[in-house]
Structures are given as C-alpha cells and as structure tokens.
PDB file of N, CA and C in Angstrom:
ATOM      1  N   MET A   1      15.512 -20.670  -2.200  1.00  0.00           N
ATOM      2  CA  MET A   1      16.174 -19.411  -1.937  1.00  0.00           C
ATOM      3  C   MET A   1      16.328 -19.259  -0.433  1.00  0.00           C
ATOM      4  N   ASN A   2      17.495 -18.870  -0.018  1.00  0.00           N
ATOM      5  CA  ASN A   2      17.680 -18.701   1.415  1.00  0.00           C
ATOM      6  C   ASN A   2      17.178 -17.337   1.865  1.00  0.00           C
ATOM      7  N   SER A   3      17.075 -17.163   3.150  1.00  0.00           N
ATOM      8  CA  SER A   3      16.503 -15.929   3.681  1.00  0.00           C
ATOM      9  C   SER A   3      17.370 -14.718   3.375  1.00  0.00           C
ATOM     10  N   ASP A   4      18.698 -14.886   3.229  1.00  0.00           N
ATOM     11  CA  ASP A   4      19.563 -13.762   2.882  1.00  0.00           C
ATOM     12  C   ASP A   4      19.210 -13.212   1.504  1.00  0.00           C
ATOM     13  N   THR A   5      18.927 -14.104   0.575  1.00  0.00           N
ATOM     14  CA  THR A   5      18.566 -13.678  -0.776  1.00  0.00           C
ATOM     15  C   THR A   5      17.224 -12.976  -0.765  1.00  0.00           C
ATOM     16  N   LEU A   6      16.287 -13.466   0.002  1.00  0.00           N
ATOM     17  CA  LEU A   6      14.978 -12.835   0.120  1.00  0.00           C
ATOM     18  C   LEU A   6      15.147 -11.428   0.673  1.00  0.00           C
ATOM     19  N   GLU A   7      15.963 -11.266   1.702  1.00  0.00           N
ATOM     20  CA  GLU A   7      16.200  -9.949   2.284  1.00  0.00           C
ATOM     21  C   GLU A   7      16.871  -9.028   1.277  1.00  0.00           C
ATOM     22  N   GLY A   8      17.866  -9.540   0.553  1.00  0.00           N
ATOM     23  CA  GLY A   8      18.601  -8.731  -0.399  1.00  0.00           C
ATOM     24  C   GLY A   8      17.758  -8.225  -1.550  1.00  0.00           C
ATOM     25  N   ASN A   9      16.772  -8.991  -1.946  1.00  0.00           N
ATOM     26  CA  ASN A   9      15.902  -8.626  -3.065  1.00  0.00           C
ATOM     27  C   ASN A   9      14.555  -8.076  -2.620  1.00  0.00           C
ATOM     28  N   TRP A  10      14.390  -7.799  -1.353  1.00  0.00           N
ATOM     29  CA  TRP A  10      13.080  -7.456  -0.819  1.00  0.00           C
ATOM     30  C   TRP A  10      12.466  -6.236  -1.478  1.00  0.00           C
ATOM     31  N   LYS A  11      13.257  -5.204  -1.727  1.00  0.00           N
ATOM     32  CA  LYS A  11      12.685  -3.996  -2.329  1.00  0.00           C
ATOM     33  C   LYS A  11      12.070  -4.302  -3.684  1.00  0.00           C
ATOM     34  N   GLU A  12      12.703  -5.165  -4.449  1.00  0.00           N
ATOM     35  CA  GLU A  12      12.178  -5.555  -5.748  1.00  0.00           C
ATOM     36  C   GLU A  12      10.970  -6.475  -5.603  1.00  0.00           C
ATOM     37  N   MET A  13      10.994  -7.338  -4.605  1.00  0.00           N
ATOM     38  CA  MET A  13       9.958  -8.356  -4.445  1.00  0.00           C
ATOM     39  C   MET A  13       8.736  -7.849  -3.681  1.00  0.00           C
ATOM     40  N   LYS A  14       8.872  -6.732  -3.011  1.00  0.00           N
ATOM     41  CA  LYS A  14       7.801  -6.227  -2.151  1.00  0.00           C
ATOM     42  C   LYS A  14       6.490  -6.024  -2.918  1.00  0.00           C
ATOM     43  N   GLY A  15       6.564  -5.441  -4.108  1.00  0.00           N
ATOM     44  CA  GLY A  15       5.364  -5.220  -4.914  1.00  0.00           C
ATOM     45  C   GLY A  15       4.706  -6.522  -5.323  1.00  0.00           C
ATOM     46  N   LYS A  16       5.519  -7.493  -5.681  1.00  0.00           N
ATOM     47  CA  LYS A  16       4.981  -8.800  -6.055  1.00  0.00           C
ATOM     48  C   LYS A  16       4.343  -9.493  -4.855  1.00  0.00           C
ATOM     49  N   ALA A  17       4.947  -9.313  -3.693  1.00  0.00           N
ATOM     50  CA  ALA A  17       4.379  -9.891  -2.470  1.00  0.00           C
ATOM     51  C   ALA A  17       3.021  -9.251  -2.175  1.00  0.00           C
ATOM     52  N   GLN A  18       2.915  -7.959  -2.389  1.00  0.00           N
ATOM     53  CA  GLN A  18       1.644  -7.243  -2.176  1.00  0.00           C
ATOM     54  C   GLN A  18       0.570  -7.789  -3.108  1.00  0.00           C
ATOM     55  N   GLN A  19       0.943  -8.099  -4.344  1.00  0.00           N
ATOM     56  CA  GLN A  19      -0.019  -8.653  -5.291  1.00  0.00           C
ATOM     57  C   GLN A  19      -0.453 -10.051  -4.874  1.00  0.00           C
ATOM     58  N   LYS A  20       0.504 -10.863  -4.440  1.00  0.00           N
ATOM     59  CA  LYS A  20       0.199 -12.250  -4.076  1.00  0.00           C
ATOM     60  C   LYS A  20      -0.614 -12.334  -2.793  1.00  0.00           C
ATOM     61  N   TRP A  21      -0.208 -11.567  -1.797  1.00  0.00           N
ATOM     62  CA  TRP A  21      -0.879 -11.582  -0.500  1.00  0.00           C
ATOM     63  C   TRP A  21      -1.491 -10.214  -0.238  1.00  0.00           C
ATOM     64  N   GLY A  22      -2.593  -9.945  -0.908  1.00  0.00           N
ATOM     65  CA  GLY A  22      -3.239  -8.633  -0.865  1.00  0.00           C
ATOM     66  C   GLY A  22      -3.703  -8.182   0.504  1.00  0.00           C
ATOM     67  N   LYS A  23      -3.875  -9.109   1.424  1.00  0.00           N
ATOM     68  CA  LYS A  23      -4.307  -8.730   2.766  1.00  0.00           C
ATOM     69  C   LYS A  23      -3.177  -8.100   3.579  1.00  0.00           C
ATOM     70  N   LEU A  24      -1.944  -8.254   3.121  1.00  0.00           N
ATOM     71  CA  LEU A  24      -0.815  -7.656   3.822  1.00  0.00           C
ATOM     72  C   LEU A  24      -0.713  -6.193   3.431  1.00  0.00           C
ATOM     73  N   THR A  25      -0.614  -5.333   4.425  1.00  0.00           N
ATOM     74  CA  THR A  25      -0.551  -3.896   4.174  1.00  0.00           C
ATOM     75  C   THR A  25       0.883  -3.470   3.862  1.00  0.00           C
ATOM     76  N   ASP A  26       1.026  -2.240   3.389  1.00  0.00           N
ATOM     77  CA  ASP A  26       2.365  -1.690   3.162  1.00  0.00           C
ATOM     78  C   ASP A  26       3.155  -1.678   4.468  1.00  0.00           C
ATOM     79  N   ASP A  27       2.480  -1.358   5.570  1.00  0.00           N
ATOM     80  CA  ASP A  27       3.158  -1.364   6.875  1.00  0.00           C
ATOM     81  C   ASP A  27       3.650  -2.766   7.221  1.00  0.00           C
ATOM     82  N   ASP A  28       2.818  -3.775   6.969  1.00  0.00           N
ATOM     83  CA  ASP A  28       3.233  -5.162   7.218  1.00  0.00           C
ATOM     84  C   ASP A  28       4.500  -5.478   6.429  1.00  0.00           C
ATOM     85  N   LEU A  29       4.479  -5.131   5.151  1.00  0.00           N
ATOM     86  CA  LEU A  29       5.611  -5.449   4.281  1.00  0.00           C
ATOM     87  C   LEU A  29       6.855  -4.656   4.668  1.00  0.00           C
ATOM     88  N   ASP A  30       6.665  -3.421   5.129  1.00  0.00           N
ATOM     89  CA  ASP A  30       7.808  -2.633   5.595  1.00  0.00           C
ATOM     90  C   ASP A  30       8.428  -3.254   6.839  1.00  0.00           C
ATOM     91  N   GLN A  31       7.599  -3.760   7.750  1.00  0.00           N
ATOM     92  CA  GLN A  31       8.088  -4.386   8.977  1.00  0.00           C
ATOM     93  C   GLN A  31       8.822  -5.692   8.681  1.00  0.00           C
ATOM     94  N   ILE A  32       8.373  -6.411   7.688  1.00  0.00           N
ATOM     95  CA  ILE A  32       8.965  -7.705   7.341  1.00  0.00           C
ATOM     96  C   ILE A  32      10.406  -7.531   6.870  1.00  0.00           C
ATOM     97  N   GLU A  33      10.653  -6.509   6.046  1.00  0.00           N
ATOM     98  CA  GLU A  33      11.983  -6.205   5.522  1.00  0.00           C
ATOM     99  C   GLU A  33      12.669  -7.423   4.893  1.00  0.00           C
ATOM    100  N   GLY A  34      11.885  -8.312   4.311  1.00  0.00           N
ATOM    101  CA  GLY A  34      12.455  -9.468   3.619  1.00  0.00           C
ATOM    102  C   GLY A  34      12.788 -10.657   4.500  1.00  0.00           C
ATOM    103  N   ARG A  35      12.495 -10.578   5.785  1.00  0.00           N
ATOM    104  CA  ARG A  35      12.788 -11.713   6.667  1.00  0.00           C
ATOM    105  C   ARG A  35      11.720 -12.783   6.465  1.00  0.00           C
ATOM    106  N   LYS A  36      12.185 -13.950   6.087  1.00  0.00           N
ATOM    107  CA  LYS A  36      11.275 -15.053   5.757  1.00  0.00           C
ATOM    108  C   LYS A  36      10.364 -15.402   6.925  1.00  0.00           C
ATOM    109  N   THR A  37      10.898 -15.509   8.118  1.00  0.00           N
ATOM    110  CA  THR A  37      10.066 -15.901   9.260  1.00  0.00           C
ATOM    111  C   THR A  37       8.986 -14.866   9.541  1.00  0.00           C
ATOM    112  N   GLU A  38       9.312 -13.589   9.337  1.00  0.00           N
ATOM    113  CA  GLU A  38       8.314 -12.531   9.535  1.00  0.00           C
ATOM    114  C   GLU A  38       7.208 -12.639   8.485  1.00  0.00           C
ATOM    115  N   LEU A  39       7.592 -12.886   7.244  1.00  0.00           N
ATOM    116  CA  LEU A  39       6.617 -13.020   6.167  1.00  0.00           C
ATOM    117  C   LEU A  39       5.705 -14.210   6.414  1.00  0.00           C
ATOM    118  N   VAL A  40       6.279 -15.322   6.812  1.00  0.00           N
ATOM    119  CA  VAL A  40       5.484 -16.518   7.120  1.00  0.00           C
ATOM    120  C   VAL A  40       4.476 -16.204   8.221  1.00  0.00           C
ATOM    121  N   GLY A  41       4.916 -15.535   9.263  1.00  0.00           N
ATOM    122  CA  GLY A  41       4.034 -15.192  10.377  1.00  0.00           C
ATOM    123  C   GLY A  41       2.893 -14.282   9.956  1.00  0.00           C
ATOM    124  N   LYS A  42       3.188 -13.278   9.140  1.00  0.00           N
ATOM    125  CA  LYS A  42       2.144 -12.353   8.678  1.00  0.00           C
ATOM    126  C   LYS A  42       1.127 -13.077   7.798  1.00  0.00           C
ATOM    127  N   ILE A  43       1.596 -14.001   6.961  1.00  0.00           N
ATOM    128  CA  ILE A  43       0.683 -14.775   6.111  1.00  0.00           C
ATOM    129  C   ILE A  43      -0.207 -15.661   6.982  1.00  0.00           C
ATOM    130  N   GLN A  44       0.379 -16.264   8.006  1.00  0.00           N
ATOM    131  CA  GLN A  44      -0.413 -17.097   8.924  1.00  0.00           C
ATOM    132  C   GLN A  44      -1.520 -16.269   9.568  1.00  0.00           C
ATOM    133  N   GLN A  45      -1.171 -15.093  10.051  1.00  0.00           N
ATOM    134  CA  GLN A  45      -2.148 -14.231  10.724  1.00  0.00           C
ATOM    135  C   GLN A  45      -3.243 -13.772   9.765  1.00  0.00           C
ATOM    136  N   ALA A  46      -2.847 -13.297   8.602  1.00  0.00           N
ATOM    137  CA  ALA A  46      -3.804 -12.709   7.668  1.00  0.00           C
ATOM    138  C   ALA A  46      -4.718 -13.728   7.007  1.00  0.00           C
ATOM    139  N   TYR A  47      -4.184 -14.925   6.765  1.00  0.00           N
ATOM    140  CA  TYR A  47      -4.940 -15.915   5.984  1.00  0.00           C
ATOM    141  C   TYR A  47      -5.338 -17.159   6.771  1.00  0.00           C
ATOM    142  N   GLY A  48      -4.929 -17.249   8.031  1.00  0.00           N
ATOM    143  CA  GLY A  48      -5.296 -18.399   8.843  1.00  0.00           C
ATOM    144  C   GLY A  48      -4.678 -19.700   8.365  1.00  0.00           C
ATOM    145  N   LYS A  49      -3.489 -19.620   7.803  1.00  0.00           N
ATOM    146  CA  LYS A  49      -2.814 -20.809   7.290  1.00  0.00           C
ATOM    147  C   LYS A  49      -1.886 -21.384   8.352  1.00  0.00           C
ATOM    148  N   SER A  50      -1.565 -22.656   8.181  1.00  0.00           N
ATOM    149  CA  SER A  50      -0.596 -23.277   9.072  1.00  0.00           C
ATOM    150  C   SER A  50       0.800 -22.763   8.717  1.00  0.00           C
ATOM    151  N   LYS A  51       1.731 -22.952   9.623  1.00  0.00           N
ATOM    152  CA  LYS A  51       3.105 -22.533   9.383  1.00  0.00           C
ATOM    153  C   LYS A  51       3.663 -23.228   8.150  1.00  0.00           C
ATOM    154  N   GLU A  52       3.378 -24.515   8.015  1.00  0.00           N
ATOM    155  CA  GLU A  52       3.878 -25.287   6.890  1.00  0.00           C
ATOM    156  C   GLU A  52       3.328 -24.765   5.563  1.00  0.00           C
ATOM    157  N   GLU A  53       2.023 -24.462   5.533  1.00  0.00           N
ATOM    158  CA  GLU A  53       1.412 -23.928   4.310  1.00  0.00           C
ATOM    159  C   GLU A  53       2.037 -22.582   3.935  1.00  0.00           C
ATOM    160  N   ALA A  54       2.189 -21.722   4.919  1.00  0.00           N
ATOM    161  CA  ALA A  54       2.754 -20.396   4.674  1.00  0.00           C
ATOM    162  C   ALA A  54       4.205 -20.499   4.209  1.00  0.00           C
ATOM    163  N   GLU A  55       4.979 -21.379   4.837  1.00  0.00           N
ATOM    164  CA  GLU A  55       6.378 -21.558   4.430  1.00  0.00           C
ATOM    165  C   GLU A  55       6.466 -22.062   2.989  1.00  0.00           C
ATOM    166  N   LYS A  56       5.579 -22.977   2.637  1.00  0.00           N
ATOM    167  CA  LYS A  56       5.571 -23.510   1.275  1.00  0.00           C
ATOM    168  C   LYS A  56       5.270 -22.392   0.267  1.00  0.00           C
ATOM    169  N   GLU A  57       4.291 -21.551   0.590  1.00  0.00           N
ATOM    170  CA  GLU A  57       3.961 -20.434  -0.301  1.00  0.00           C
ATOM    171  C   GLU A  57       5.135 -19.474  -0.454  1.00  0.00           C
ATOM    172  N   VAL A  58       5.802 -19.159   0.649  1.00  0.00           N
ATOM    173  CA  VAL A  58       6.939 -18.240   0.603  1.00  0.00           C
ATOM    174  C   VAL A  58       8.081 -18.850  -0.196  1.00  0.00           C
ATOM    175  N   ASP A  59       8.338 -20.132  -0.007  1.00  0.00           N
ATOM    176  CA  ASP A  59       9.389 -20.800  -0.768  1.00  0.00           C
ATOM    177  C   ASP A  59       9.090 -20.759  -2.271  1.00  0.00           C
ATOM    178  N   GLU A  60       7.839 -21.038  -2.633  1.00  0.00           N
ATOM    179  CA  GLU A  60       7.454 -21.000  -4.043  1.00  0.00           C
ATOM    180  C   GLU A  60       7.560 -19.577  -4.588  1.00  0.00           C
ATOM    181  N   PHE A  61       7.132 -18.614  -3.797  1.00  0.00           N
ATOM    182  CA  PHE A  61       7.206 -17.216  -4.190  1.00  0.00           C
ATOM    183  C   PHE A  61       8.644 -16.780  -4.424  1.00  0.00           C
ATOM    184  N   SER A  62       9.522 -17.177  -3.536  1.00  0.00           N
ATOM    185  CA  SER A  62      10.911 -16.720  -3.623  1.00  0.00           C
ATOM    186  C   SER A  62      11.679 -17.389  -4.777  1.00  0.00           C
ATOM    187  N   ARG A  63      11.188 -18.528  -5.241  1.00  0.00           N
ATOM    188  CA  ARG A  63      11.824 -19.185  -6.387  1.00  0.00           C
ATOM    189  C   ARG A  63      11.458 -18.508  -7.708  1.00  0.00           C
ATOM    190  N   ASN A  64      10.313 -17.854  -7.748  1.00  0.00           N
ATOM    191  CA  ASN A  64       9.839 -17.241  -8.995  1.00  0.00           C
ATOM    192  C   ASN A  64      10.287 -15.848  -9.169  1.00  0.00           C
TER     193      ASN A  64
END
C-alpha cells in the first residue's frame, strides 16, 4: 500500500493502529495523520526498533 492510501484511510485505520502499537498515544496518532514516515518514526521511538523493522511492520499493517 502506498502512503497516499494510508493517508486516505487513516481515520478508519487509526483505531487499529492504536491496538497494534499501544504505546502510541492519541496525540501521536493525530500528529501522524496517516503519513507512513511519521508512523515509522513514532514506532522507532516508542519501541526501540530499527527503521527497517518499523517499516516492515507498517507495510504489513497497511496490507491488512
């Protein structure tokens, strides 16, 4: 899924993202606004993951 699709569906996906990455706050998710790079960065910060790991998780998340 490309980043445009993630942004377009963000309101629907936001709740699912909160469930998957519980350490991300509502404020974090509001700031992200569906931008893939922002989501990857927040996951890296919250979970101490590498950029590659976070990108892989976001890609898998956005496919489901």
